[in-house]
């Protein structure tokens, strides 16, 4: 999975809507965690179903895309699952009991709730939060990938603005053939390194800046 990040440009009311979407994602995540704490034998699927209950009971939760709500529930389950694994492994000390999230800076959409422009220079968020179309600026070219390869889209809020991250499913394979030979390296202070074949690479000179 590759993650490509772009700076987002839009109007102030759009960024306000981004902040509301992030707060809603935190609400869903913490509500799912509370649901797990208050009920026995709650699993991942139960948390996904609980998202529909939250959307029914809270209008602001219903405004967030359904898959974004599920992604927030998955965040809660990730912390729960990690806690279970630590308990099974009998890790000494604290087991990492899931905690409510106080600070949240991102909301994650899955395969719906957004539409990437054909020129890949803007993205339109189509849920009821009112984010709308955001312009994208970055150094990566998304034309190399199909829309179906984009499995997640994150909105990340930082001090210097809002960023959009694309999680792209790419099968990366490197065909390497072993040479059948081994080599030893000795790193030192006088030489950068010396290998077992006697090859020595000197340290680069250090220049003092005045």
Protein backbone atom coordinates (compact mmCIF):
# COMPACT_ATOMS: atom_id res chain seq x y z
CA UNK A 1 0.00 0.00 0.00
CA UNK A 2 1.37 3.38 -1.04
CA UNK A 3 0.26 6.66 0.54
CA UNK A 4 0.36 9.83 -1.55
CA UNK A 5 -0.27 13.19 0.10
CA UNK A 6 -1.53 16.43 -1.45
CA UNK A 7 -2.15 19.88 -0.01
CA UNK A 8 -5.83 20.82 -0.20
CA UNK A 9 -7.07 24.24 -1.22
CA UNK A 10 -10.59 25.54 -0.69
CA UNK A 11 -12.69 28.12 1.10
CA UNK A 12 -12.86 28.71 4.85
CA UNK A 13 -16.34 27.19 5.11
CA UNK A 14 -15.03 24.02 3.44
CA UNK A 15 -12.22 23.67 5.95
CA UNK A 16 -14.73 24.27 8.72
CA UNK A 17 -16.72 21.35 7.30
CA UNK A 18 -13.52 19.25 7.31
CA UNK A 19 -13.13 19.99 11.00
CA UNK A 20 -16.72 18.94 11.64
CA UNK A 21 -16.16 15.67 9.75
CA UNK A 22 -13.07 14.97 11.87
CA UNK A 23 -14.98 15.66 15.09
CA UNK A 24 -17.74 13.32 13.94
CA UNK A 25 -15.20 10.60 13.18
CA UNK A 26 -13.82 10.95 16.71
CA UNK A 27 -17.36 10.76 18.12
CA UNK A 28 -18.08 7.54 16.23
CA UNK A 29 -14.77 5.98 17.29
CA UNK A 30 -15.27 6.83 20.97
CA UNK A 31 -18.94 5.78 20.90
CA UNK A 32 -17.98 2.39 19.47
CA UNK A 33 -15.39 2.01 22.21
CA UNK A 34 -17.98 2.83 24.87
CA UNK A 35 -20.37 0.32 23.28
CA UNK A 36 -17.68 -2.36 23.56
CA UNK A 37 -17.00 -1.45 27.20
CA UNK A 38 -20.67 -1.64 28.15
CA UNK A 39 -21.53 -4.87 26.35
CA UNK A 40 -19.99 -8.33 26.48
CA UNK A 41 -18.84 -10.30 23.45
CA UNK A 42 -18.92 -7.33 21.09
CA UNK A 43 -17.00 -8.00 17.89
CA UNK A 44 -15.91 -6.04 14.84
CA UNK A 45 -19.16 -6.65 12.96
CA UNK A 46 -21.15 -5.46 15.96
CA UNK A 47 -19.30 -2.15 15.89
CA UNK A 48 -20.02 -1.75 12.18
CA UNK A 49 -23.71 -2.32 12.86
CA UNK A 50 -23.61 0.14 15.73
CA UNK A 51 -22.58 2.86 13.27
CA UNK A 52 -26.09 2.65 11.76
CA UNK A 53 -27.56 3.16 15.24
CA UNK A 54 -25.45 6.28 15.73
CA UNK A 55 -26.55 7.61 12.33
CA UNK A 56 -30.17 7.06 13.30
CA UNK A 57 -29.86 8.74 16.69
CA UNK A 58 -27.57 11.64 15.77
CA UNK A 59 -28.10 13.81 12.71
CA UNK A 60 -24.47 14.97 12.59
CA UNK A 61 -23.36 11.32 12.51
CA UNK A 62 -25.75 10.59 9.65
CA UNK A 63 -24.18 13.48 7.69
CA UNK A 64 -20.87 11.61 7.59
CA UNK A 65 -20.49 9.03 4.83
CA UNK A 66 -21.43 5.51 5.97
CA UNK A 67 -18.04 4.05 5.03
CA UNK A 68 -16.29 6.87 6.88
CA UNK A 69 -18.29 5.88 9.94
CA UNK A 70 -17.20 2.27 9.43
CA UNK A 71 -13.57 3.38 9.11
CA UNK A 72 -13.90 5.13 12.49
CA UNK A 73 -15.37 1.96 13.98
CA UNK A 74 -12.41 0.05 12.56
CA UNK A 75 -10.08 2.44 14.38
CA UNK A 76 -11.84 1.55 17.63
CA UNK A 77 -11.62 -2.15 16.87
CA UNK A 78 -7.92 -1.84 16.05
CA UNK A 79 -7.19 -0.63 19.60
CA UNK A 80 -9.46 -3.34 21.05
CA UNK A 81 -7.83 -6.07 18.97
CA UNK A 82 -4.36 -4.91 20.00
CA UNK A 83 -5.43 -5.11 23.65
CA UNK A 84 -6.74 -8.66 23.15
CA UNK A 85 -3.49 -9.72 21.46
CA UNK A 86 -1.39 -8.33 24.31
CA UNK A 87 -3.50 -10.23 26.82
CA UNK A 88 -3.17 -13.50 24.88
CA UNK A 89 0.60 -13.06 24.66
CA UNK A 90 0.80 -12.42 28.43
CA UNK A 91 2.84 -9.29 27.87
CA UNK A 92 4.06 -8.05 31.28
CA UNK A 93 2.87 -4.73 32.61
CA UNK A 94 0.09 -2.69 31.06
CA UNK A 95 -1.76 -4.40 28.22
CA UNK A 96 -2.79 -1.23 26.41
CA UNK A 97 -6.43 -1.07 27.45
CA UNK A 98 -8.27 1.01 24.81
CA UNK A 99 -8.59 4.68 25.68
CA UNK A 100 -10.98 7.35 24.46
CA UNK A 101 -9.45 9.60 21.88
CA UNK A 102 -9.08 13.23 22.91
CA UNK A 103 -7.21 14.67 19.95
CA UNK A 104 -8.16 13.63 16.44
CA UNK A 105 -6.73 15.20 13.31
CA UNK A 106 -8.08 13.04 10.50
CA UNK A 107 -11.13 11.40 9.02
CA UNK A 108 -10.87 8.43 6.69
CA UNK A 109 -13.18 7.62 3.79
CA UNK A 110 -13.11 4.24 2.11
CA UNK A 111 -14.37 3.66 -1.44
CA UNK A 112 -17.35 6.03 -1.33
CA UNK A 113 -18.11 9.55 -0.20
CA UNK A 114 -15.61 11.09 -2.61
CA UNK A 115 -15.03 11.49 -6.33
CA UNK A 116 -11.66 12.27 -7.89
CA UNK A 117 -11.72 14.59 -10.91
CA UNK A 118 -10.68 13.18 -14.29
CA UNK A 119 -7.63 15.45 -14.35
CA UNK A 120 -6.70 14.26 -10.82
CA UNK A 121 -6.30 17.89 -9.72
CA UNK A 122 -9.31 18.07 -7.40
CA UNK A 123 -11.50 15.84 -5.28
CA UNK A 124 -15.16 16.23 -4.41
CA UNK A 125 -16.48 14.92 -1.08
CA UNK A 126 -20.10 13.95 -1.66
CA UNK A 127 -21.50 13.27 1.81
CA UNK A 128 -23.68 15.70 3.76
CA UNK A 129 -20.88 17.42 5.63
CA UNK A 130 -20.63 20.06 2.91
CA UNK A 131 -16.91 19.81 2.22
CA UNK A 132 -17.40 19.79 -1.53
CA UNK A 133 -14.61 20.12 -4.06
CA UNK A 134 -11.05 20.71 -2.87
CA UNK A 135 -8.17 21.50 -5.19
CA UNK A 136 -5.08 19.33 -4.86
CA UNK A 137 -1.45 20.29 -5.14
CA UNK A 138 1.43 17.85 -4.85
CA UNK A 139 4.37 16.23 -6.60
CA UNK A 140 2.77 12.84 -7.30
CA UNK A 141 0.82 11.92 -10.43
CA UNK A 142 -2.28 9.85 -9.70
CA UNK A 143 -2.79 9.17 -13.42
CA UNK A 144 -0.51 6.14 -13.02
CA UNK A 145 -3.18 4.41 -10.91
CA UNK A 146 -6.76 3.34 -11.46
CA UNK A 147 -9.53 4.72 -9.27
CA UNK A 148 -10.25 1.15 -8.16
CA UNK A 149 -6.74 0.99 -6.68
CA UNK A 150 -7.51 3.84 -4.25
CA UNK A 151 -8.79 2.01 -1.16
CA UNK A 152 -8.81 4.87 1.34
CA UNK A 153 -8.88 8.66 1.25
CA UNK A 154 -7.93 10.59 4.38
CA UNK A 155 -8.46 14.23 5.26
CA UNK A 156 -5.70 15.31 7.64
CA UNK A 157 -5.77 18.64 9.45
CA UNK A 158 -2.45 20.18 10.45
CA UNK A 159 -1.30 23.56 11.70
CA UNK A 160 -0.44 24.70 8.17
CA UNK A 161 -3.65 23.50 6.53
CA UNK A 162 -5.55 20.46 5.33
CA UNK A 163 -4.01 17.57 3.40
CA UNK A 164 -5.57 14.74 1.40
CA UNK A 165 -3.93 11.31 1.55
CA UNK A 166 -4.62 8.57 -0.99
CA UNK A 167 -3.95 4.98 0.05
CA UNK A 168 -3.23 3.14 -3.19
CA UNK A 169 -3.16 -0.64 -3.45
CA UNK A 170 -0.07 -1.49 -5.49
CA UNK A 171 1.48 -4.91 -5.94
CA UNK A 172 5.19 -4.18 -5.79
CA UNK A 173 7.49 -7.06 -6.68
CA UNK A 174 11.24 -6.97 -6.95
CA UNK A 175 12.88 -9.86 -8.75
CA UNK A 176 16.26 -10.43 -7.16
CA UNK A 177 18.57 -13.36 -7.67
CA UNK A 178 21.04 -14.28 -4.92
CA UNK A 179 24.68 -14.02 -5.99
CA UNK A 180 25.75 -16.91 -3.80
CA UNK A 181 28.56 -14.86 -2.25
CA UNK A 182 28.85 -13.21 1.14
CA UNK A 183 30.85 -10.24 2.27
CA UNK A 184 31.81 -8.83 5.66
CA UNK A 185 31.94 -5.14 6.50
CA UNK A 186 33.94 -3.44 9.22
CA UNK A 187 32.89 0.13 9.97
CA UNK A 188 35.49 2.26 11.69
CA UNK A 189 36.48 5.79 12.59
CA UNK A 190 39.48 6.06 10.30
CA UNK A 191 37.84 4.47 7.26
CA UNK A 192 34.16 4.61 6.43
CA UNK A 193 34.22 0.84 5.98
CA UNK A 194 36.49 -2.01 4.92
CA UNK A 195 35.06 -5.18 3.40
CA UNK A 196 36.36 -8.70 3.64
CA UNK A 197 37.83 -8.41 0.14
CA UNK A 198 40.16 -5.66 1.30
CA UNK A 199 38.28 -2.80 -0.32
CA UNK A 200 38.42 0.36 1.78
CA UNK A 201 36.26 3.46 1.51
CA UNK A 202 37.67 6.54 3.21
CA UNK A 203 35.63 8.82 5.40
CA UNK A 204 34.50 12.05 3.73
CA UNK A 205 36.34 15.11 5.03
CA UNK A 206 34.49 17.34 7.47
CA UNK A 207 34.65 21.03 6.78
CA UNK A 208 34.13 23.48 9.58
CA UNK A 209 31.64 26.23 8.76
CA UNK A 210 32.62 29.65 10.05
